[in-house]
Amino acid sequence: MGATLIALFALVMTHFIVPDANKELDDFSLQFLKKNRYPKTWVNNGVLQLGKGYYVYVKSYNLKNNNGQNFTYEHFEDNKLKFKLSAVNMRYRPKDSTFVLKNYKKRIVLKERDIIETGRKMDTTFNFIPSDFGTVKNLARQINTPDLIDFIRKAKIRGVKNLNDYYVQLYSRTSLPVSSFILTLIAVVLGSKKRRGGMGINLAIGISLMFIYVFFMKVAAVLGAVATANPFLMVWMPNVLFGFLAIILYRNAKR
């Protein structure tokens, strides 16, 4: 019952409460403790994949005033260019989520000819926002679980290859609370055995196992972030290994 209460409390904290606290902590650290007191506002050579065959490129973009230079939007089918829209200047309007393209050129590729259109100004929309060009450090630990799942979904659509850092953060929010059951079972088993020298030996063994457990969880999180690794398997491996250990200790204790 105690482990269940701890696990439920930890699940709510890790999935919803702690990410908001992490964001406030990181903002405080960035503003007052680190040398770089201001976040990155410029993006150079920003590239996004909005879907299969849809690409966006911007030479430079200022995230502060929502103004960019040398913008290109391309659509490919079977590795062949079908549509291209380019502009010398791009401005984003947050109020209505629209983009203003200046000195634009639109090209539609057909079988026998191309249709080319040029103009000085165009208002249009895209399924991305300029902040998608920027990279937010420690983003995975700053957003709650529903937002993290949505971010991973959008990133996969846009062709981001390595999302293991985000998967590790997502899976760890559940695996860590579940570990309370395993640690509780190990503690009960060790506490039920009487040894020469008193309970101090059992206490030392329990603390040692706890530190080893935490060490394995940290190592598994680092290994899970590698591009070729399976993040789900790596994050849950410490729980599986120590879960088997807890079961073995429990059976021996019953004897």
C-alpha atoms as a PDB file:
ATOM      1  CA  MET A   1       0.000   0.000   0.000  1.00  0.00           C
ATOM      2  CA  GLY A   2       2.828   2.371   0.818  1.00  0.00           C
ATOM      3  CA  ALA A   3       4.604   1.613  -2.455  1.00  0.00           C
ATOM      4  CA  THR A   4       1.361   2.171  -4.370  1.00  0.00           C
ATOM      5  CA  LEU A   5       0.842   5.589  -2.796  1.00  0.00           C
ATOM      6  CA  ILE A   6       4.440   6.554  -3.548  1.00  0.00           C
ATOM      7  CA  ALA A   7       4.171   5.295  -7.136  1.00  0.00           C
ATOM      8  CA  LEU A   8       0.921   7.189  -7.810  1.00  0.00           C
ATOM      9  CA  PHE A   9       2.337  10.381  -6.321  1.00  0.00           C
ATOM     10  CA  ALA A  10       5.543   9.999  -8.350  1.00  0.00           C
ATOM     11  CA  LEU A  11       3.598   9.352 -11.576  1.00  0.00           C
ATOM     12  CA  VAL A  12       1.652  12.593 -11.217  1.00  0.00           C
ATOM     13  CA  MET A  13       4.809  14.502 -10.339  1.00  0.00           C
ATOM     14  CA  THR A  14       7.026  13.154 -13.152  1.00  0.00           C
ATOM     15  CA  HIS A  15       4.378  13.427 -15.873  1.00  0.00           C
ATOM     16  CA  PHE A  16       2.864  16.817 -15.054  1.00  0.00           C
ATOM     17  CA  ILE A  17       4.386  18.783 -12.153  1.00  0.00           C
ATOM     18  CA  VAL A  18       8.159  18.317 -12.412  1.00  0.00           C
ATOM     19  CA  PRO A  19       8.465  19.382 -16.110  1.00  0.00           C
ATOM     20  CA  ASP A  20       7.015  22.823 -15.326  1.00  0.00           C
ATOM     21  CA  ALA A  21       9.370  23.140 -12.371  1.00  0.00           C
ATOM     22  CA  ASN A  22      12.298  22.121 -14.591  1.00  0.00           C
ATOM     23  CA  LYS A  23      11.448  24.872 -17.057  1.00  0.00           C
ATOM     24  CA  GLU A  24      11.418  27.506 -14.308  1.00  0.00           C
ATOM     25  CA  LEU A  25      14.684  26.149 -12.951  1.00  0.00           C
ATOM     26  CA  ASP A  26      16.377  26.185 -16.373  1.00  0.00           C
ATOM     27  CA  ASP A  27      15.120  29.713 -17.091  1.00  0.00           C
ATOM     28  CA  PHE A  28      16.427  30.909 -13.727  1.00  0.00           C
ATOM     29  CA  SER A  29      19.774  29.208 -14.325  1.00  0.00           C
ATOM     30  CA  LEU A  30      20.041  30.686 -17.834  1.00  0.00           C
ATOM     31  CA  GLN A  31      19.243  34.196 -16.641  1.00  0.00           C
ATOM     32  CA  PHE A  32      21.202  34.424 -13.391  1.00  0.00           C
ATOM     33  CA  LEU A  33      23.775  31.620 -13.147  1.00  0.00           C
ATOM     34  CA  LYS A  34      25.203  31.066 -16.617  1.00  0.00           C
ATOM     35  CA  LYS A  35      27.280  33.380 -18.743  1.00  0.00           C
ATOM     36  CA  ASN A  36      24.872  33.257 -21.672  1.00  0.00           C
ATOM     37  CA  ARG A  37      22.028  35.187 -20.072  1.00  0.00           C
ATOM     38  CA  TYR A  38      19.860  35.384 -23.160  1.00  0.00           C
ATOM     39  CA  PRO A  39      18.417  32.531 -25.224  1.00  0.00           C
ATOM     40  CA  LYS A  40      19.347  31.946 -28.838  1.00  0.00           C
ATOM     41  CA  THR A  41      17.388  34.248 -31.146  1.00  0.00           C
ATOM     42  CA  TRP A  42      19.076  33.603 -34.511  1.00  0.00           C
ATOM     43  CA  VAL A  43      18.750  30.476 -36.635  1.00  0.00           C
ATOM     44  CA  ASN A  44      21.180  29.901 -39.501  1.00  0.00           C
ATOM     45  CA  ASN A  45      20.503  27.381 -42.284  1.00  0.00           C
ATOM     46  CA  GLY A  46      17.284  26.131 -40.711  1.00  0.00           C
ATOM     47  CA  VAL A  47      15.814  22.983 -42.304  1.00  0.00           C
ATOM     48  CA  LEU A  48      12.497  21.242 -41.601  1.00  0.00           C
ATOM     49  CA  GLN A  49      10.740  18.259 -43.132  1.00  0.00           C
ATOM     50  CA  LEU A  50       6.990  18.861 -42.847  1.00  0.00           C
ATOM     51  CA  GLY A  51       6.016  15.482 -44.238  1.00  0.00           C
ATOM     52  CA  LYS A  52       7.006  12.956 -46.834  1.00  0.00           C
ATOM     53  CA  GLY A  53       8.494  14.954 -49.678  1.00  0.00           C
ATOM     54  CA  TYR A  54       7.821  18.405 -48.146  1.00  0.00           C
ATOM     55  CA  TYR A  55      10.834  20.491 -47.096  1.00  0.00           C
ATOM     56  CA  VAL A  56      11.389  24.012 -45.763  1.00  0.00           C
ATOM     57  CA  TYR A  57      14.679  25.897 -45.737  1.00  0.00           C
ATOM     58  CA  VAL A  58      15.585  29.360 -44.460  1.00  0.00           C
ATOM     59  CA  LYS A  59      19.035  30.920 -44.732  1.00  0.00           C
ATOM     60  CA  SER A  60      18.684  32.966 -41.549  1.00  0.00           C
ATOM     61  CA  TYR A  61      15.817  33.704 -39.185  1.00  0.00           C
ATOM     62  CA  ASN A  62      15.411  36.000 -36.198  1.00  0.00           C
ATOM     63  CA  LEU A  63      13.143  34.322 -33.649  1.00  0.00           C
ATOM     64  CA  LYS A  64      12.755  37.593 -31.768  1.00  0.00           C
ATOM     65  CA  ASN A  65      11.244  39.735 -34.518  1.00  0.00           C
ATOM     66  CA  ASN A  66       9.935  36.823 -36.665  1.00  0.00           C
ATOM     67  CA  ASN A  67      11.837  37.884 -39.768  1.00  0.00           C
ATOM     68  CA  GLY A  68      13.789  35.588 -42.091  1.00  0.00           C
ATOM     69  CA  GLN A  69      15.863  35.717 -45.275  1.00  0.00           C
ATOM     70  CA  ASN A  70      16.071  33.424 -48.316  1.00  0.00           C
ATOM     71  CA  PHE A  71      13.101  31.143 -47.671  1.00  0.00           C
ATOM     72  CA  THR A  72      12.357  28.022 -49.752  1.00  0.00           C
ATOM     73  CA  TYR A  73       9.461  25.560 -49.674  1.00  0.00           C
ATOM     74  CA  GLU A  74       9.751  22.432 -51.871  1.00  0.00           C
ATOM     75  CA  HIS A  75       7.620  19.395 -52.646  1.00  0.00           C
ATOM     76  CA  PHE A  76       9.101  16.205 -54.119  1.00  0.00           C
ATOM     77  CA  GLU A  77       7.438  13.073 -55.480  1.00  0.00           C
ATOM     78  CA  ASP A  78       9.616  10.045 -56.226  1.00  0.00           C
ATOM     79  CA  ASN A  79      12.696  12.245 -55.773  1.00  0.00           C
ATOM     80  CA  LYS A  80      11.431  14.616 -58.475  1.00  0.00           C
ATOM     81  CA  LEU A  81      10.660  18.271 -57.810  1.00  0.00           C
ATOM     82  CA  LYS A  82       6.961  19.063 -58.258  1.00  0.00           C
ATOM     83  CA  PHE A  83       6.591  22.453 -56.594  1.00  0.00           C
ATOM     84  CA  LYS A  84       8.896  25.158 -55.309  1.00  0.00           C
ATOM     85  CA  LEU A  85       8.156  28.435 -53.569  1.00  0.00           C
ATOM     86  CA  SER A  86      11.005  30.794 -52.703  1.00  0.00           C
ATOM     87  CA  ALA A  87      11.163  34.297 -51.275  1.00  0.00           C
ATOM     88  CA  VAL A  88      13.861  36.801 -50.471  1.00  0.00           C
ATOM     89  CA  ASN A  89      12.166  37.799 -47.203  1.00  0.00           C
ATOM     90  CA  MET A  90       9.763  35.960 -44.902  1.00  0.00           C
ATOM     91  CA  ARG A  91       7.853  37.389 -41.932  1.00  0.00           C
ATOM     92  CA  TYR A  92       5.615  35.491 -39.537  1.00  0.00           C
ATOM     93  CA  ARG A  93       2.515  37.093 -38.008  1.00  0.00           C
ATOM     94  CA  PRO A  94       1.638  35.335 -34.708  1.00  0.00           C
ATOM     95  CA  LYS A  95      -1.799  36.989 -34.464  1.00  0.00           C
ATOM     96  CA  ASP A  96      -3.273  35.066 -37.388  1.00  0.00           C
ATOM     97  CA  SER A  97      -0.502  32.432 -37.847  1.00  0.00           C
ATOM     98  CA  THR A  98       0.243  33.551 -41.402  1.00  0.00           C
ATOM     99  CA  PHE A  99       3.471  34.124 -43.327  1.00  0.00           C
ATOM    100  CA  VAL A 100       4.193  37.163 -45.471  1.00  0.00           C
ATOM    101  CA  LEU A 101       6.541  36.393 -48.364  1.00  0.00           C
ATOM    102  CA  LYS A 102       8.183  39.281 -50.195  1.00  0.00           C
ATOM    103  CA  ASN A 103       9.783  39.082 -53.650  1.00  0.00           C
ATOM    104  CA  TYR A 104       8.574  35.538 -54.114  1.00  0.00           C
ATOM    105  CA  LYS A 105       8.850  33.085 -56.983  1.00  0.00           C
ATOM    106  CA  LYS A 106       6.516  30.118 -57.395  1.00  0.00           C
ATOM    107  CA  ARG A 107       7.309  27.233 -59.725  1.00  0.00           C
ATOM    108  CA  ILE A 108       4.997  24.327 -60.612  1.00  0.00           C
ATOM    109  CA  VAL A 109       6.715  21.506 -62.486  1.00  0.00           C
ATOM    110  CA  LEU A 110       4.553  19.722 -65.084  1.00  0.00           C
ATOM    111  CA  LYS A 111       5.419  16.952 -67.522  1.00  0.00           C
ATOM    112  CA  GLU A 112       6.134  19.125 -70.534  1.00  0.00           C
ATOM    113  CA  ARG A 113       6.472  22.615 -69.097  1.00  0.00           C
ATOM    114  CA  ASP A 114       6.784  24.643 -65.916  1.00  0.00           C
ATOM    115  CA  ILE A 115       4.454  27.308 -64.596  1.00  0.00           C
ATOM    116  CA  ILE A 116       6.377  30.193 -63.016  1.00  0.00           C
ATOM    117  CA  GLU A 117       4.813  33.022 -61.076  1.00  0.00           C
ATOM    118  CA  THR A 118       6.578  35.947 -59.440  1.00  0.00           C
ATOM    119  CA  GLY A 119       5.356  38.755 -57.245  1.00  0.00           C
ATOM    120  CA  ARG A 120       6.281  41.287 -54.609  1.00  0.00           C
ATOM    121  CA  LYS A 121       4.100  40.044 -51.745  1.00  0.00           C
ATOM    122  CA  MET A 122       2.149  36.915 -50.788  1.00  0.00           C
ATOM    123  CA  ASP A 123       0.224  35.936 -47.651  1.00  0.00           C
ATOM    124  CA  THR A 124       0.106  32.200 -47.000  1.00  0.00           C
ATOM    125  CA  THR A 125       0.091  29.550 -44.272  1.00  0.00           C
ATOM    126  CA  PHE A 126       2.254  26.512 -43.484  1.00  0.00           C
ATOM    127  CA  ASN A 127       1.937  23.682 -40.990  1.00  0.00           C
ATOM    128  CA  PHE A 128       4.897  24.859 -38.917  1.00  0.00           C
ATOM    129  CA  ILE A 129       5.849  27.834 -36.778  1.00  0.00           C
ATOM    130  CA  PRO A 130       9.228  29.634 -36.788  1.00  0.00           C
ATOM    131  CA  SER A 131      10.173  28.359 -33.325  1.00  0.00           C
ATOM    132  CA  ASP A 132      10.398  24.887 -34.893  1.00  0.00           C
ATOM    133  CA  PHE A 133      13.665  26.048 -36.480  1.00  0.00           C
ATOM    134  CA  GLY A 134      15.177  26.738 -33.069  1.00  0.00           C
ATOM    135  CA  THR A 135      16.565  24.155 -30.694  1.00  0.00           C
ATOM    136  CA  VAL A 136      15.606  24.416 -27.046  1.00  0.00           C
ATOM    137  CA  LYS A 137      18.099  22.856 -24.714  1.00  0.00           C
ATOM    138  CA  ASN A 138      16.598  20.323 -22.300  1.00  0.00           C
ATOM    139  CA  LEU A 139      13.215  20.662 -24.010  1.00  0.00           C
ATOM    140  CA  ALA A 140      12.243  17.057 -23.176  1.00  0.00           C
ATOM    141  CA  ARG A 141      12.455  17.667 -19.447  1.00  0.00           C
ATOM    142  CA  GLN A 142      10.589  20.989 -19.622  1.00  0.00           C
ATOM    143  CA  ILE A 143       7.259  19.884 -21.142  1.00  0.00           C
ATOM    144  CA  ASN A 144       4.597  17.634 -19.654  1.00  0.00           C
ATOM    145  CA  THR A 145       3.875  14.191 -21.052  1.00  0.00           C
ATOM    146  CA  PRO A 146       0.956  15.040 -23.411  1.00  0.00           C
ATOM    147  CA  ASP A 147       2.992  17.865 -24.961  1.00  0.00           C
ATOM    148  CA  LEU A 148       6.061  15.614 -25.179  1.00  0.00           C
ATOM    149  CA  ILE A 149       4.105  12.904 -27.001  1.00  0.00           C
ATOM    150  CA  ASP A 150       2.730  15.512 -29.402  1.00  0.00           C
ATOM    151  CA  PHE A 151       6.228  16.918 -29.988  1.00  0.00           C
ATOM    152  CA  ILE A 152       7.596  13.444 -30.791  1.00  0.00           C
ATOM    153  CA  ARG A 153       4.720  12.808 -33.210  1.00  0.00           C
ATOM    154  CA  LYS A 154       5.327  16.066 -35.087  1.00  0.00           C
ATOM    155  CA  ALA A 155       9.091  15.493 -35.129  1.00  0.00           C
ATOM    156  CA  LYS A 156       8.631  12.041 -36.684  1.00  0.00           C
ATOM    157  CA  ILE A 157       6.401  13.513 -39.396  1.00  0.00           C
ATOM    158  CA  ARG A 158       9.050  16.133 -40.141  1.00  0.00           C
ATOM    159  CA  GLY A 159      11.705  13.462 -40.565  1.00  0.00           C
ATOM    160  CA  VAL A 160      13.782  13.987 -37.413  1.00  0.00           C
ATOM    161  CA  LYS A 161      15.945  10.894 -37.220  1.00  0.00           C
ATOM    162  CA  ASN A 162      17.166  10.536 -33.640  1.00  0.00           C
ATOM    163  CA  LEU A 163      14.480  11.139 -31.018  1.00  0.00           C
ATOM    164  CA  ASN A 164      15.881   8.743 -28.442  1.00  0.00           C
ATOM    165  CA  ASP A 165      16.580  11.543 -25.956  1.00  0.00           C
ATOM    166  CA  TYR A 166      12.878  12.357 -25.917  1.00  0.00           C
ATOM    167  CA  TYR A 167      11.844   8.703 -25.731  1.00  0.00           C
ATOM    168  CA  VAL A 168      14.180   8.125 -22.789  1.00  0.00           C
ATOM    169  CA  GLN A 169      12.642  11.060 -20.949  1.00  0.00           C
ATOM    170  CA  LEU A 170       9.134   9.818 -21.763  1.00  0.00           C
ATOM    171  CA  TYR A 171       9.697   6.222 -20.643  1.00  0.00           C
ATOM    172  CA  SER A 172      11.657   7.214 -17.544  1.00  0.00           C
ATOM    173  CA  ARG A 173       8.653   9.122 -16.210  1.00  0.00           C
ATOM    174  CA  THR A 174       6.864   5.786 -15.769  1.00  0.00           C
ATOM    175  CA  SER A 175       9.735   3.397 -15.061  1.00  0.00           C
ATOM    176  CA  LEU A 176      11.037   5.442 -12.128  1.00  0.00           C
ATOM    177  CA  PRO A 177       7.770   5.368 -10.102  1.00  0.00           C
ATOM    178  CA  VAL A 178       7.359   1.643 -10.823  1.00  0.00           C
ATOM    179  CA  SER A 179      10.759   1.044  -9.221  1.00  0.00           C
ATOM    180  CA  SER A 180       9.226   1.871  -5.837  1.00  0.00           C
ATOM    181  CA  PHE A 181       7.480  -1.534  -5.843  1.00  0.00           C
ATOM    182  CA  ILE A 182      10.748  -3.357  -6.572  1.00  0.00           C
ATOM    183  CA  LEU A 183      12.728  -1.464  -3.934  1.00  0.00           C
ATOM    184  CA  THR A 184       9.961  -2.009  -1.375  1.00  0.00           C
ATOM    185  CA  LEU A 185       9.930  -5.768  -2.003  1.00  0.00           C
ATOM    186  CA  ILE A 186      13.720  -5.945  -1.669  1.00  0.00           C
ATOM    187  CA  ALA A 187      13.551  -3.936   1.552  1.00  0.00           C
ATOM    188  CA  VAL A 188      10.894  -6.235   3.032  1.00  0.00           C
ATOM    189  CA  VAL A 189      12.908  -9.335   2.182  1.00  0.00           C
ATOM    190  CA  LEU A 190      16.129  -7.951   3.658  1.00  0.00           C
ATOM    191  CA  GLY A 191      14.328  -6.677   6.745  1.00  0.00           C
ATOM    192  CA  SER A 192      12.768 -10.073   7.423  1.00  0.00           C
ATOM    193  CA  LYS A 193      16.109 -11.857   7.711  1.00  0.00           C
ATOM    194  CA  LYS A 194      18.000 -11.948  10.978  1.00  0.00           C
ATOM    195  CA  ARG A 195      21.764 -11.864  10.670  1.00  0.00           C
ATOM    196  CA  ARG A 196      24.643 -11.861  13.052  1.00  0.00           C
ATOM    197  CA  GLY A 197      25.620  -8.298  13.722  1.00  0.00           C
ATOM    198  CA  GLY A 198      22.054  -6.990  13.831  1.00  0.00           C
ATOM    199  CA  MET A 199      20.017  -5.029  11.314  1.00  0.00           C
ATOM    200  CA  GLY A 200      22.976  -2.858  10.349  1.00  0.00           C
ATOM    201  CA  ILE A 201      24.174  -5.445   7.842  1.00  0.00           C
ATOM    202  CA  ASN A 202      20.752  -5.669   6.194  1.00  0.00           C
ATOM    203  CA  LEU A 203      20.591  -1.893   6.088  1.00  0.00           C
ATOM    204  CA  ALA A 204      24.016  -1.671   4.441  1.00  0.00           C
ATOM    205  CA  ILE A 205      23.048  -4.297   1.853  1.00  0.00           C
ATOM    206  CA  GLY A 206      19.796  -2.480   1.106  1.00  0.00           C
ATOM    207  CA  ILE A 207      21.483   0.898   0.666  1.00  0.00           C
ATOM    208  CA  SER A 208      24.150  -0.669  -1.557  1.00  0.00           C
ATOM    209  CA  LEU A 209      21.517  -2.296  -3.763  1.00  0.00           C
ATOM    210  CA  MET A 210      19.667   1.017  -3.998  1.00  0.00           C
ATOM    211  CA  PHE A 211      22.780   2.864  -5.178  1.00  0.00           C
ATOM    212  CA  ILE A 212      23.538   0.103  -7.704  1.00  0.00           C
ATOM    213  CA  TYR A 213      19.937   0.329  -8.905  1.00  0.00           C
ATOM    214  CA  VAL A 214      20.155   4.100  -9.393  1.00  0.00           C
ATOM    215  CA  PHE A 215      23.523   3.719 -11.120  1.00  0.00           C
ATOM    216  CA  PHE A 216      22.069   1.201 -13.589  1.00  0.00           C
ATOM    217  CA  MET A 217      19.147   3.520 -14.303  1.00  0.00           C
ATOM    218  CA  LYS A 218      21.471   6.427 -15.103  1.00  0.00           C
ATOM    219  CA  VAL A 219      23.684   4.278 -17.329  1.00  0.00           C
ATOM    220  CA  ALA A 220      20.641   2.836 -19.113  1.00  0.00           C
ATOM    221  CA  ALA A 221      19.308   6.353 -19.777  1.00  0.00           C
ATOM    222  CA  VAL A 222      22.616   7.393 -21.362  1.00  0.00           C
ATOM    223  CA  LEU A 223      22.814   4.239 -23.485  1.00  0.00           C
ATOM    224  CA  GLY A 224      19.168   4.580 -24.489  1.00  0.00           C
ATOM    225  CA  ALA A 225      19.855   8.022 -25.972  1.00  0.00           C
ATOM    226  CA  VAL A 226      22.241   6.493 -28.546  1.00  0.00           C
ATOM    227  CA  ALA A 227      20.718   6.551 -32.019  1.00  0.00           C
ATOM    228  CA  THR A 228      21.096   2.795 -32.576  1.00  0.00           C
ATOM    229  CA  ALA A 229      19.690   1.756 -29.184  1.00  0.00           C
ATOM    230  CA  ASN A 230      16.167   0.748 -28.210  1.00  0.00           C
ATOM    231  CA  PRO A 231      15.182   3.430 -25.656  1.00  0.00           C
ATOM    232  CA  PHE A 232      12.227   1.479 -24.233  1.00  0.00           C
ATOM    233  CA  LEU A 233      14.339  -1.622 -23.617  1.00  0.00           C
ATOM    234  CA  MET A 234      17.227   0.335 -22.099  1.00  0.00           C
ATOM    235  CA  VAL A 235      15.020   2.395 -19.759  1.00  0.00           C
ATOM    236  CA  TRP A 236      13.095  -0.621 -18.445  1.00  0.00           C
ATOM    237  CA  MET A 237      16.082  -3.000 -18.247  1.00  0.00           C
ATOM    238  CA  PRO A 238      17.053  -2.011 -14.643  1.00  0.00           C
ATOM    239  CA  ASN A 239      13.471  -2.642 -13.502  1.00  0.00           C
ATOM    240  CA  VAL A 240      13.446  -6.042 -15.202  1.00  0.00           C
ATOM    241  CA  LEU A 241      16.809  -7.125 -13.772  1.00  0.00           C
ATOM    242  CA  PHE A 242      16.136  -5.952 -10.233  1.00  0.00           C
ATOM    243  CA  GLY A 243      12.578  -7.255 -10.475  1.00  0.00           C
ATOM    244  CA  PHE A 244      13.967 -10.761 -11.051  1.00  0.00           C
ATOM    245  CA  LEU A 245      16.402 -10.201  -8.180  1.00  0.00           C
ATOM    246  CA  ALA A 246      13.550  -9.183  -5.877  1.00  0.00           C
ATOM    247  CA  ILE A 247      11.561 -12.302  -6.814  1.00  0.00           C
ATOM    248  CA  ILE A 248      14.565 -14.575  -6.157  1.00  0.00           C
ATOM    249  CA  LEU A 249      15.204 -12.944  -2.783  1.00  0.00           C
ATOM    250  CA  TYR A 250      11.514 -13.253  -1.891  1.00  0.00           C
ATOM    251  CA  ARG A 251      11.421 -16.972  -2.693  1.00  0.00           C
ATOM    252  CA  ASN A 252      14.537 -17.621  -0.643  1.00  0.00           C
ATOM    253  CA  ALA A 253      13.076 -15.625   2.245  1.00  0.00           C
ATOM    254  CA  LYS A 254       9.912 -17.787   2.246  1.00  0.00           C
ATOM    255  CA  ARG A 255      12.058 -20.886   2.696  1.00  0.00           C
END
